[in-house]
Amino acid sequence: MKSLIARLAVLAALLNPSAAFAQAVQQDPAGSGPVVNALAWLQGTLLGNVATAVAVMAVAAVGFMMLTGRLNWRFGATVIIGVFILFGAASIVAGIQQVAA
């Protein structure tokens, strides 16, 4: 009878969704409010409308300079790949987290 109760207790613990919800909700550490706000501002600035317009113009200018032979292809590719990494960072991190989990 003790074995049956122990097995039921283990089954109830495994089926309890609170353990799964505890991993899904991530709390910020105490005192990190200003840091989180600063990083959110930085992310908004780097991925905002002005930054998007500047990145589009930079890629266009670098591409034109590469095609006319005024810029080294390696440096131009570095600029273009950097822009893709900047704007695709959220997708890249989500993909890495999905693979790691």
PDB file of N, CA and C in Angstrom:
ATOM      1  N   MET A   1       0.814  -1.187   0.000  1.00  0.00           N
ATOM      2  CA  MET A   1       0.000   0.000   0.000  1.00  0.00           C
ATOM      3  C   MET A   1       0.869   1.268   0.000  1.00  0.00           C
ATOM      4  N   LYS A   2       2.003   1.213   0.774  1.00  0.00           N
ATOM      5  CA  LYS A   2       2.915   2.358   0.791  1.00  0.00           C
ATOM      6  C   LYS A   2       3.500   2.609  -0.601  1.00  0.00           C
ATOM      7  N   SER A   3       3.797   1.548  -1.307  1.00  0.00           N
ATOM      8  CA  SER A   3       4.369   1.672  -2.642  1.00  0.00           C
ATOM      9  C   SER A   3       3.385   2.356  -3.596  1.00  0.00           C
ATOM     10  N   LEU A   4       2.126   2.001  -3.489  1.00  0.00           N
ATOM     11  CA  LEU A   4       1.103   2.603  -4.342  1.00  0.00           C
ATOM     12  C   LEU A   4       0.949   4.087  -4.041  1.00  0.00           C
ATOM     13  N   ILE A   5       0.975   4.465  -2.767  1.00  0.00           N
ATOM     14  CA  ILE A   5       0.850   5.868  -2.381  1.00  0.00           C
ATOM     15  C   ILE A   5       2.075   6.643  -2.860  1.00  0.00           C
ATOM     16  N   ALA A   6       3.245   6.045  -2.736  1.00  0.00           N
ATOM     17  CA  ALA A   6       4.462   6.714  -3.190  1.00  0.00           C
ATOM     18  C   ALA A   6       4.435   6.918  -4.707  1.00  0.00           C
ATOM     19  N   ARG A   7       3.961   5.922  -5.421  1.00  0.00           N
ATOM     20  CA  ARG A   7       3.875   6.049  -6.884  1.00  0.00           C
ATOM     21  C   ARG A   7       2.865   7.107  -7.288  1.00  0.00           C
ATOM     22  N   LEU A   8       1.744   7.174  -6.591  1.00  0.00           N
ATOM     23  CA  LEU A   8       0.745   8.193  -6.888  1.00  0.00           C
ATOM     24  C   LEU A   8       1.280   9.591  -6.571  1.00  0.00           C
ATOM     25  N   ALA A   9       2.063   9.703  -5.501  1.00  0.00           N
ATOM     26  CA  ALA A   9       2.651  10.993  -5.154  1.00  0.00           C
ATOM     27  C   ALA A   9       3.642  11.452  -6.232  1.00  0.00           C
ATOM     28  N   VAL A  10       4.434  10.519  -6.720  1.00  0.00           N
ATOM     29  CA  VAL A  10       5.387  10.852  -7.788  1.00  0.00           C
ATOM     30  C   VAL A  10       4.647  11.232  -9.065  1.00  0.00           C
ATOM     31  N   LEU A  11       3.584  10.505  -9.383  1.00  0.00           N
ATOM     32  CA  LEU A  11       2.788  10.812 -10.578  1.00  0.00           C
ATOM     33  C   LEU A  11       2.147  12.187 -10.455  1.00  0.00           C
ATOM     34  N   ALA A  12       1.619  12.502  -9.262  1.00  0.00           N
ATOM     35  CA  ALA A  12       1.010  13.816  -9.054  1.00  0.00           C
ATOM     36  C   ALA A  12       2.056  14.921  -9.180  1.00  0.00           C
ATOM     37  N   ALA A  13       3.257  14.674  -8.683  1.00  0.00           N
ATOM     38  CA  ALA A  13       4.323  15.679  -8.793  1.00  0.00           C
ATOM     39  C   ALA A  13       4.743  15.885 -10.245  1.00  0.00           C
ATOM     40  N   LEU A  14       4.775  14.818 -11.020  1.00  0.00           N
ATOM     41  CA  LEU A  14       5.152  14.946 -12.429  1.00  0.00           C
ATOM     42  C   LEU A  14       4.086  15.647 -13.248  1.00  0.00           C
ATOM     43  N   LEU A  15       2.834  15.448 -12.894  1.00  0.00           N
ATOM     44  CA  LEU A  15       1.746  16.051 -13.648  1.00  0.00           C
ATOM     45  C   LEU A  15       1.403  17.457 -13.184  1.00  0.00           C
ATOM     46  N   ASN A  16       2.064  17.938 -12.133  1.00  0.00           N
ATOM     47  CA  ASN A  16       1.817  19.273 -11.615  1.00  0.00           C
ATOM     48  C   ASN A  16       2.442  20.294 -12.570  1.00  0.00           C
ATOM     49  N   PRO A  17       1.634  21.185 -13.150  1.00  0.00           N
ATOM     50  CA  PRO A  17       2.178  22.116 -14.143  1.00  0.00           C
ATOM     51  C   PRO A  17       2.976  23.260 -13.546  1.00  0.00           C
ATOM     52  N   SER A  18       2.999  23.413 -12.239  1.00  0.00           N
ATOM     53  CA  SER A  18       3.699  24.559 -11.661  1.00  0.00           C
ATOM     54  C   SER A  18       5.199  24.500 -11.933  1.00  0.00           C
ATOM     55  N   ALA A  19       5.778  23.330 -12.021  1.00  0.00           N
ATOM     56  CA  ALA A  19       7.209  23.226 -12.308  1.00  0.00           C
ATOM     57  C   ALA A  19       7.517  23.738 -13.715  1.00  0.00           C
ATOM     58  N   ALA A  20       6.659  23.435 -14.672  1.00  0.00           N
ATOM     59  CA  ALA A  20       6.874  23.910 -16.039  1.00  0.00           C
ATOM     60  C   ALA A  20       6.678  25.417 -16.123  1.00  0.00           C
ATOM     61  N   PHE A  21       5.689  25.946 -15.406  1.00  0.00           N
ATOM     62  CA  PHE A  21       5.462  27.386 -15.434  1.00  0.00           C
ATOM     63  C   PHE A  21       6.590  28.142 -14.755  1.00  0.00           C
ATOM     64  N   ALA A  22       7.228  27.530 -13.786  1.00  0.00           N
ATOM     65  CA  ALA A  22       8.331  28.195 -13.101  1.00  0.00           C
ATOM     66  C   ALA A  22       9.495  28.434 -14.053  1.00  0.00           C
ATOM     67  N   GLN A  23       9.683  27.569 -15.014  1.00  0.00           N
ATOM     68  CA  GLN A  23      10.771  27.760 -15.966  1.00  0.00           C
ATOM     69  C   GLN A  23      10.393  28.740 -17.056  1.00  0.00           C
ATOM     70  N   ALA A  24       9.107  28.862 -17.377  1.00  0.00           N
ATOM     71  CA  ALA A  24       8.680  29.725 -18.467  1.00  0.00           C
ATOM     72  C   ALA A  24       8.725  31.201 -18.073  1.00  0.00           C
ATOM     73  N   VAL A  25       8.455  31.523 -16.816  1.00  0.00           N
ATOM     74  CA  VAL A  25       8.430  32.902 -16.369  1.00  0.00           C
ATOM     75  C   VAL A  25       9.797  33.255 -15.801  1.00  0.00           C
ATOM     76  N   GLN A  26      10.434  34.229 -16.417  1.00  0.00           N
ATOM     77  CA  GLN A  26      11.752  34.627 -15.945  1.00  0.00           C
ATOM     78  C   GLN A  26      11.640  35.997 -15.292  1.00  0.00           C
ATOM     79  N   GLN A  27      11.991  36.076 -14.046  1.00  0.00           N
ATOM     80  CA  GLN A  27      11.961  37.321 -13.303  1.00  0.00           C
ATOM     81  C   GLN A  27      13.309  38.021 -13.425  1.00  0.00           C
ATOM     82  N   ASP A  28      13.277  39.344 -13.447  1.00  0.00           N
ATOM     83  CA  ASP A  28      14.519  40.098 -13.435  1.00  0.00           C
ATOM     84  C   ASP A  28      15.073  40.109 -12.019  1.00  0.00           C
ATOM     85  N   PRO A  29      16.383  40.073 -11.867  1.00  0.00           N
ATOM     86  CA  PRO A  29      16.961  40.131 -10.526  1.00  0.00           C
ATOM     87  C   PRO A  29      16.645  41.457  -9.838  1.00  0.00           C
ATOM     88  N   ALA A  30      16.671  41.466  -8.533  1.00  0.00           N
ATOM     89  CA  ALA A  30      16.383  42.682  -7.771  1.00  0.00           C
ATOM     90  C   ALA A  30      17.408  43.762  -8.098  1.00  0.00           C
ATOM     91  N   GLY A  31      16.931  44.980  -8.299  1.00  0.00           N
ATOM     92  CA  GLY A  31      17.827  46.096  -8.585  1.00  0.00           C
ATOM     93  C   GLY A  31      18.263  46.216 -10.022  1.00  0.00           C
ATOM     94  N   SER A  32      17.736  45.388 -10.910  1.00  0.00           N
ATOM     95  CA  SER A  32      18.167  45.438 -12.305  1.00  0.00           C
ATOM     96  C   SER A  32      17.244  46.288 -13.168  1.00  0.00           C
ATOM     97  N   GLY A  33      16.300  46.984 -12.577  1.00  0.00           N
ATOM     98  CA  GLY A  33      15.362  47.806 -13.346  1.00  0.00           C
ATOM     99  C   GLY A  33      16.037  48.819 -14.250  1.00  0.00           C
ATOM    100  N   PRO A  34      16.967  49.642 -13.741  1.00  0.00           N
ATOM    101  CA  PRO A  34      17.620  50.615 -14.618  1.00  0.00           C
ATOM    102  C   PRO A  34      18.435  49.966 -15.730  1.00  0.00           C
ATOM    103  N   VAL A  35      19.066  48.841 -15.437  1.00  0.00           N
ATOM    104  CA  VAL A  35      19.867  48.155 -16.454  1.00  0.00           C
ATOM    105  C   VAL A  35      18.959  47.613 -17.554  1.00  0.00           C
ATOM    106  N   VAL A  36      17.849  46.993 -17.148  1.00  0.00           N
ATOM    107  CA  VAL A  36      16.904  46.440 -18.127  1.00  0.00           C
ATOM    108  C   VAL A  36      16.305  47.564 -18.964  1.00  0.00           C
ATOM    109  N   ASN A  37      15.966  48.681 -18.328  1.00  0.00           N
ATOM    110  CA  ASN A  37      15.412  49.814 -19.073  1.00  0.00           C
ATOM    111  C   ASN A  37      16.426  50.392 -20.047  1.00  0.00           C
ATOM    112  N   ALA A  38      17.688  50.474 -19.632  1.00  0.00           N
ATOM    113  CA  ALA A  38      18.724  50.996 -20.527  1.00  0.00           C
ATOM    114  C   ALA A  38      18.928  50.074 -21.723  1.00  0.00           C
ATOM    115  N   LEU A  39      18.930  48.770 -21.489  1.00  0.00           N
ATOM    116  CA  LEU A  39      19.089  47.826 -22.595  1.00  0.00           C
ATOM    117  C   LEU A  39      17.887  47.845 -23.530  1.00  0.00           C
ATOM    118  N   ALA A  40      16.682  48.020 -22.967  1.00  0.00           N
ATOM    119  CA  ALA A  40      15.488  48.129 -23.813  1.00  0.00           C
ATOM    120  C   ALA A  40      15.554  49.384 -24.672  1.00  0.00           C
ATOM    121  N   TRP A  41      16.033  50.492 -24.094  1.00  0.00           N
ATOM    122  CA  TRP A  41      16.182  51.715 -24.861  1.00  0.00           C
ATOM    123  C   TRP A  41      17.209  51.524 -25.974  1.00  0.00           C
ATOM    124  N   LEU A  42      18.331  50.873 -25.643  1.00  0.00           N
ATOM    125  CA  LEU A  42      19.374  50.629 -26.636  1.00  0.00           C
ATOM    126  C   LEU A  42      18.858  49.754 -27.773  1.00  0.00           C
ATOM    127  N   GLN A  43      18.089  48.735 -27.422  1.00  0.00           N
ATOM    128  CA  GLN A  43      17.527  47.865 -28.448  1.00  0.00           C
ATOM    129  C   GLN A  43      16.541  48.630 -29.324  1.00  0.00           C
ATOM    130  N   GLY A  44      15.707  49.460 -28.716  1.00  0.00           N
ATOM    131  CA  GLY A  44      14.766  50.264 -29.489  1.00  0.00           C
ATOM    132  C   GLY A  44      15.471  51.242 -30.407  1.00  0.00           C
ATOM    133  N   THR A  45      16.577  51.808 -29.928  1.00  0.00           N
ATOM    134  CA  THR A  45      17.335  52.751 -30.750  1.00  0.00           C
ATOM    135  C   THR A  45      18.012  52.042 -31.917  1.00  0.00           C
ATOM    136  N   LEU A  46      18.629  50.884 -31.625  1.00  0.00           N
ATOM    137  CA  LEU A  46      19.352  50.166 -32.682  1.00  0.00           C
ATOM    138  C   LEU A  46      18.430  49.539 -33.713  1.00  0.00           C
ATOM    139  N   LEU A  47      17.195  49.246 -33.323  1.00  0.00           N
ATOM    140  CA  LEU A  47      16.285  48.585 -34.253  1.00  0.00           C
ATOM    141  C   LEU A  47      15.115  49.470 -34.656  1.00  0.00           C
ATOM    142  N   GLY A  48      15.178  50.760 -34.362  1.00  0.00           N
ATOM    143  CA  GLY A  48      14.083  51.682 -34.669  1.00  0.00           C
ATOM    144  C   GLY A  48      14.051  52.077 -36.138  1.00  0.00           C
ATOM    145  N   ASN A  49      13.153  53.015 -36.428  1.00  0.00           N
ATOM    146  CA  ASN A  49      12.939  53.456 -37.814  1.00  0.00           C
ATOM    147  C   ASN A  49      14.160  54.187 -38.363  1.00  0.00           C
ATOM    148  N   VAL A  50      14.753  55.033 -37.549  1.00  0.00           N
ATOM    149  CA  VAL A  50      15.915  55.785 -38.022  1.00  0.00           C
ATOM    150  C   VAL A  50      17.083  54.842 -38.307  1.00  0.00           C
ATOM    151  N   ALA A  51      17.314  53.894 -37.400  1.00  0.00           N
ATOM    152  CA  ALA A  51      18.406  52.941 -37.598  1.00  0.00           C
ATOM    153  C   ALA A  51      18.164  52.073 -38.835  1.00  0.00           C
ATOM    154  N   THR A  52      16.918  51.709 -39.060  1.00  0.00           N
ATOM    155  CA  THR A  52      16.596  50.914 -40.249  1.00  0.00           C
ATOM    156  C   THR A  52      16.876  51.700 -41.521  1.00  0.00           C
ATOM    157  N   ALA A  53      16.495  52.972 -41.538  1.00  0.00           N
ATOM    158  CA  ALA A  53      16.753  53.805 -42.718  1.00  0.00           C
ATOM    159  C   ALA A  53      18.252  53.988 -42.942  1.00  0.00           C
ATOM    160  N   VAL A  54      18.995  54.216 -41.866  1.00  0.00           N
ATOM    161  CA  VAL A  54      20.449  54.389 -41.994  1.00  0.00           C
ATOM    162  C   VAL A  54      21.097  53.100 -42.484  1.00  0.00           C
ATOM    163  N   ALA A  55      20.638  51.946 -41.982  1.00  0.00           N
ATOM    164  CA  ALA A  55      21.202  50.666 -42.414  1.00  0.00           C
ATOM    165  C   ALA A  55      20.920  50.405 -43.891  1.00  0.00           C
ATOM    166  N   VAL A  56      19.725  50.738 -44.337  1.00  0.00           N
ATOM    167  CA  VAL A  56      19.389  50.548 -45.757  1.00  0.00           C
ATOM    168  C   VAL A  56      20.288  51.421 -46.630  1.00  0.00           C
ATOM    169  N   MET A  57      20.478  52.661 -46.220  1.00  0.00           N
ATOM    170  CA  MET A  57      21.343  53.547 -47.001  1.00  0.00           C
ATOM    171  C   MET A  57      22.806  53.074 -46.961  1.00  0.00           C
ATOM    172  N   ALA A  58      23.242  52.562 -45.801  1.00  0.00           N
ATOM    173  CA  ALA A  58      24.620  52.074 -45.701  1.00  0.00           C
ATOM    174  C   ALA A  58      24.841  50.868 -46.601  1.00  0.00           C
ATOM    175  N   VAL A  59      23.898  49.943 -46.605  1.00  0.00           N
ATOM    176  CA  VAL A  59      24.042  48.761 -47.461  1.00  0.00           C
ATOM    177  C   VAL A  59      24.018  49.165 -48.928  1.00  0.00           C
ATOM    178  N   ALA A  60      23.168  50.123 -49.280  1.00  0.00           N
ATOM    179  CA  ALA A  60      23.115  50.587 -50.666  1.00  0.00           C
ATOM    180  C   ALA A  60      24.429  51.265 -51.059  1.00  0.00           C
ATOM    181  N   ALA A  61      24.956  52.116 -50.183  1.00  0.00           N
ATOM    182  CA  ALA A  61      26.208  52.814 -50.493  1.00  0.00           C
ATOM    183  C   ALA A  61      27.377  51.841 -50.581  1.00  0.00           C
ATOM    184  N   VAL A  62      27.453  50.910 -49.635  1.00  0.00           N
ATOM    185  CA  VAL A  62      28.541  49.923 -49.651  1.00  0.00           C
ATOM    186  C   VAL A  62      28.436  49.040 -50.892  1.00  0.00           C
ATOM    187  N   GLY A  63      27.233  48.627 -51.225  1.00  0.00           N
ATOM    188  CA  GLY A  63      27.042  47.813 -52.430  1.00  0.00           C
ATOM    189  C   GLY A  63      27.450  48.549 -53.693  1.00  0.00           C
ATOM    190  N   PHE A  64      27.074  49.836 -53.784  1.00  0.00           N
ATOM    191  CA  PHE A  64      27.460  50.622 -54.956  1.00  0.00           C
ATOM    192  C   PHE A  64      28.975  50.800 -55.030  1.00  0.00           C
ATOM    193  N   MET A  65      29.599  51.060 -53.866  1.00  0.00           N
ATOM    194  CA  MET A  65      31.055  51.221 -53.850  1.00  0.00           C
ATOM    195  C   MET A  65      31.769  49.914 -54.191  1.00  0.00           C
ATOM    196  N   MET A  66      31.207  48.790 -53.769  1.00  0.00           N
ATOM    197  CA  MET A  66      31.807  47.499 -54.114  1.00  0.00           C
ATOM    198  C   MET A  66      31.697  47.240 -55.612  1.00  0.00           C
ATOM    199  N   LEU A  67      30.547  47.577 -56.202  1.00  0.00           N
ATOM    200  CA  LEU A  67      30.352  47.333 -57.630  1.00  0.00           C
ATOM    201  C   LEU A  67      31.215  48.239 -58.506  1.00  0.00           C
ATOM    202  N   THR A  68      31.519  49.437 -58.016  1.00  0.00           N
ATOM    203  CA  THR A  68      32.337  50.346 -58.819  1.00  0.00           C
ATOM    204  C   THR A  68      33.823  50.186 -58.548  1.00  0.00           C
ATOM    205  N   GLY A  69      34.181  49.279 -57.622  1.00  0.00           N
ATOM    206  CA  GLY A  69      35.588  49.009 -57.357  1.00  0.00           C
ATOM    207  C   GLY A  69      36.246  49.971 -56.394  1.00  0.00           C
ATOM    208  N   ARG A  70      35.486  50.777 -55.697  1.00  0.00           N
ATOM    209  CA  ARG A  70      36.055  51.733 -54.751  1.00  0.00           C
ATOM    210  C   ARG A  70      36.228  51.147 -53.352  1.00  0.00           C
ATOM    211  N   LEU A  71      35.677  49.978 -53.103  1.00  0.00           N
ATOM    212  CA  LEU A  71      35.726  49.387 -51.767  1.00  0.00           C
ATOM    213  C   LEU A  71      36.078  47.912 -51.885  1.00  0.00           C
ATOM    214  N   ASN A  72      36.909  47.458 -50.974  1.00  0.00           N
ATOM    215  CA  ASN A  72      37.311  46.061 -50.925  1.00  0.00           C
ATOM    216  C   ASN A  72      36.071  45.189 -50.665  1.00  0.00           C
ATOM    217  N   TRP A  73      35.964  44.101 -51.383  1.00  0.00           N
ATOM    218  CA  TRP A  73      34.802  43.221 -51.241  1.00  0.00           C
ATOM    219  C   TRP A  73      34.703  42.628 -49.846  1.00  0.00           C
ATOM    220  N   ARG A  74      35.846  42.329 -49.244  1.00  0.00           N
ATOM    221  CA  ARG A  74      35.838  41.734 -47.904  1.00  0.00           C
ATOM    222  C   ARG A  74      35.265  42.723 -46.879  1.00  0.00           C
ATOM    223  N   PHE A  75      35.681  43.994 -46.944  1.00  0.00           N
ATOM    224  CA  PHE A  75      35.159  44.992 -46.018  1.00  0.00           C
ATOM    225  C   PHE A  75      33.669  45.237 -46.273  1.00  0.00           C
ATOM    226  N   GLY A  76      33.282  45.279 -47.521  1.00  0.00           N
ATOM    227  CA  GLY A  76      31.868  45.476 -47.857  1.00  0.00           C
ATOM    228  C   GLY A  76      31.001  44.336 -47.363  1.00  0.00           C
ATOM    229  N   ALA A  77      31.487  43.119 -47.525  1.00  0.00           N
ATOM    230  CA  ALA A  77      30.727  41.959 -47.030  1.00  0.00           C
ATOM    231  C   ALA A  77      30.631  41.981 -45.510  1.00  0.00           C
ATOM    232  N   THR A  78      31.676  42.461 -44.840  1.00  0.00           N
ATOM    233  CA  THR A  78      31.646  42.579 -43.379  1.00  0.00           C
ATOM    234  C   THR A  78      30.567  43.554 -42.937  1.00  0.00           C
ATOM    235  N   VAL A  79      30.436  44.674 -43.615  1.00  0.00           N
ATOM    236  CA  VAL A  79      29.410  45.657 -43.273  1.00  0.00           C
ATOM    237  C   VAL A  79      28.020  45.072 -43.480  1.00  0.00           C
ATOM    238  N   ILE A  80      27.811  44.417 -44.601  1.00  0.00           N
ATOM    239  CA  ILE A  80      26.489  43.862 -44.915  1.00  0.00           C
ATOM    240  C   ILE A  80      26.131  42.736 -43.948  1.00  0.00           C
ATOM    241  N   ILE A  81      27.074  41.858 -43.646  1.00  0.00           N
ATOM    242  CA  ILE A  81      26.807  40.770 -42.696  1.00  0.00           C
ATOM    243  C   ILE A  81      26.543  41.334 -41.302  1.00  0.00           C
ATOM    244  N   GLY A  82      27.250  42.406 -40.926  1.00  0.00           N
ATOM    245  CA  GLY A  82      27.003  43.045 -39.632  1.00  0.00           C
ATOM    246  C   GLY A  82      25.597  43.591 -39.512  1.00  0.00           C
ATOM    247  N   VAL A  83      25.087  44.181 -40.576  1.00  0.00           N
ATOM    248  CA  VAL A  83      23.705  44.690 -40.563  1.00  0.00           C
ATOM    249  C   VAL A  83      22.720  43.537 -40.438  1.00  0.00           C
ATOM    250  N   PHE A  84      22.962  42.456 -41.154  1.00  0.00           N
ATOM    251  CA  PHE A  84      22.066  41.304 -41.045  1.00  0.00           C
ATOM    252  C   PHE A  84      22.095  40.715 -39.636  1.00  0.00           C
ATOM    253  N   ILE A  85      23.263  40.657 -39.020  1.00  0.00           N
ATOM    254  CA  ILE A  85      23.353  40.137 -37.654  1.00  0.00           C
ATOM    255  C   ILE A  85      22.641  41.068 -36.680  1.00  0.00           C
ATOM    256  N   LEU A  86      22.794  42.381 -36.857  1.00  0.00           N
ATOM    257  CA  LEU A  86      22.149  43.340 -35.964  1.00  0.00           C
ATOM    258  C   LEU A  86      20.639  43.210 -36.001  1.00  0.00           C
ATOM    259  N   PHE A  87      20.075  43.167 -37.191  1.00  0.00           N
ATOM    260  CA  PHE A  87      18.615  43.112 -37.295  1.00  0.00           C
ATOM    261  C   PHE A  87      18.063  41.697 -37.149  1.00  0.00           C
ATOM    262  N   GLY A  88      18.892  40.689 -37.299  1.00  0.00           N
ATOM    263  CA  GLY A  88      18.426  39.318 -37.146  1.00  0.00           C
ATOM    264  C   GLY A  88      18.810  38.687 -35.824  1.00  0.00           C
ATOM    265  N   ALA A  89      19.318  39.491 -34.883  1.00  0.00           N
ATOM    266  CA  ALA A  89      19.807  38.956 -33.615  1.00  0.00           C
ATOM    267  C   ALA A  89      18.720  38.216 -32.847  1.00  0.00           C
ATOM    268  N   ALA A  90      17.511  38.747 -32.833  1.00  0.00           N
ATOM    269  CA  ALA A  90      16.427  38.086 -32.099  1.00  0.00           C
ATOM    270  C   ALA A  90      16.130  36.713 -32.694  1.00  0.00           C
ATOM    271  N   SER A  91      16.106  36.618 -34.005  1.00  0.00           N
ATOM    272  CA  SER A  91      15.852  35.337 -34.655  1.00  0.00           C
ATOM    273  C   SER A  91      17.014  34.362 -34.437  1.00  0.00           C
ATOM    274  N   ILE A  92      18.223  34.879 -34.469  1.00  0.00           N
ATOM    275  CA  ILE A  92      19.390  34.019 -34.265  1.00  0.00           C
ATOM    276  C   ILE A  92      19.395  33.453 -32.858  1.00  0.00           C
ATOM    277  N   VAL A  93      19.131  34.299 -31.867  1.00  0.00           N
ATOM    278  CA  VAL A  93      19.106  33.835 -30.474  1.00  0.00           C
ATOM    279  C   VAL A  93      17.972  32.854 -30.260  1.00  0.00           C
ATOM    280  N   ALA A  94      16.805  33.117 -30.836  1.00  0.00           N
ATOM    281  CA  ALA A  94      15.677  32.194 -30.693  1.00  0.00           C
ATOM    282  C   ALA A  94      16.003  30.828 -31.303  1.00  0.00           C
ATOM    283  N   GLY A  95      16.680  30.817 -32.437  1.00  0.00           N
ATOM    284  CA  GLY A  95      17.071  29.563 -33.061  1.00  0.00           C
ATOM    285  C   GLY A  95      18.084  28.792 -32.234  1.00  0.00           C
ATOM    286  N   ILE A  96      19.057  29.508 -31.661  1.00  0.00           N
ATOM    287  CA  ILE A  96      20.049  28.836 -30.814  1.00  0.00           C
ATOM    288  C   ILE A  96      19.401  28.281 -29.572  1.00  0.00           C
ATOM    289  N   GLN A  97      18.480  29.043 -28.959  1.00  0.00           N
ATOM    290  CA  GLN A  97      17.799  28.549 -27.762  1.00  0.00           C
ATOM    291  C   GLN A  97      16.927  27.342 -28.078  1.00  0.00           C
ATOM    292  N   GLN A  98      16.306  27.340 -29.248  1.00  0.00           N
ATOM    293  CA  GLN A  98      15.457  26.209 -29.626  1.00  0.00           C
ATOM    294  C   GLN A  98      16.295  24.952 -29.842  1.00  0.00           C
ATOM    295  N   VAL A  99      17.463  25.092 -30.423  1.00  0.00           N
ATOM    296  CA  VAL A  99      18.333  23.951 -30.648  1.00  0.00           C
ATOM    297  C   VAL A  99      18.903  23.442 -29.322  1.00  0.00           C
ATOM    298  N   ALA A 100      19.242  24.379 -28.422  1.00  0.00           N
ATOM    299  CA  ALA A 100      19.854  23.994 -27.147  1.00  0.00           C
ATOM    300  C   ALA A 100      18.857  23.341 -26.200  1.00  0.00           C
ATOM    301  N   ALA A 101      17.594  23.683 -26.333  1.00  0.00           N
ATOM    302  CA  ALA A 101      16.593  23.148 -25.392  1.00  0.00           C
ATOM    303  C   ALA A 101      16.122  21.783 -25.753  1.00  0.00           C
TER     304      ALA A 101
END
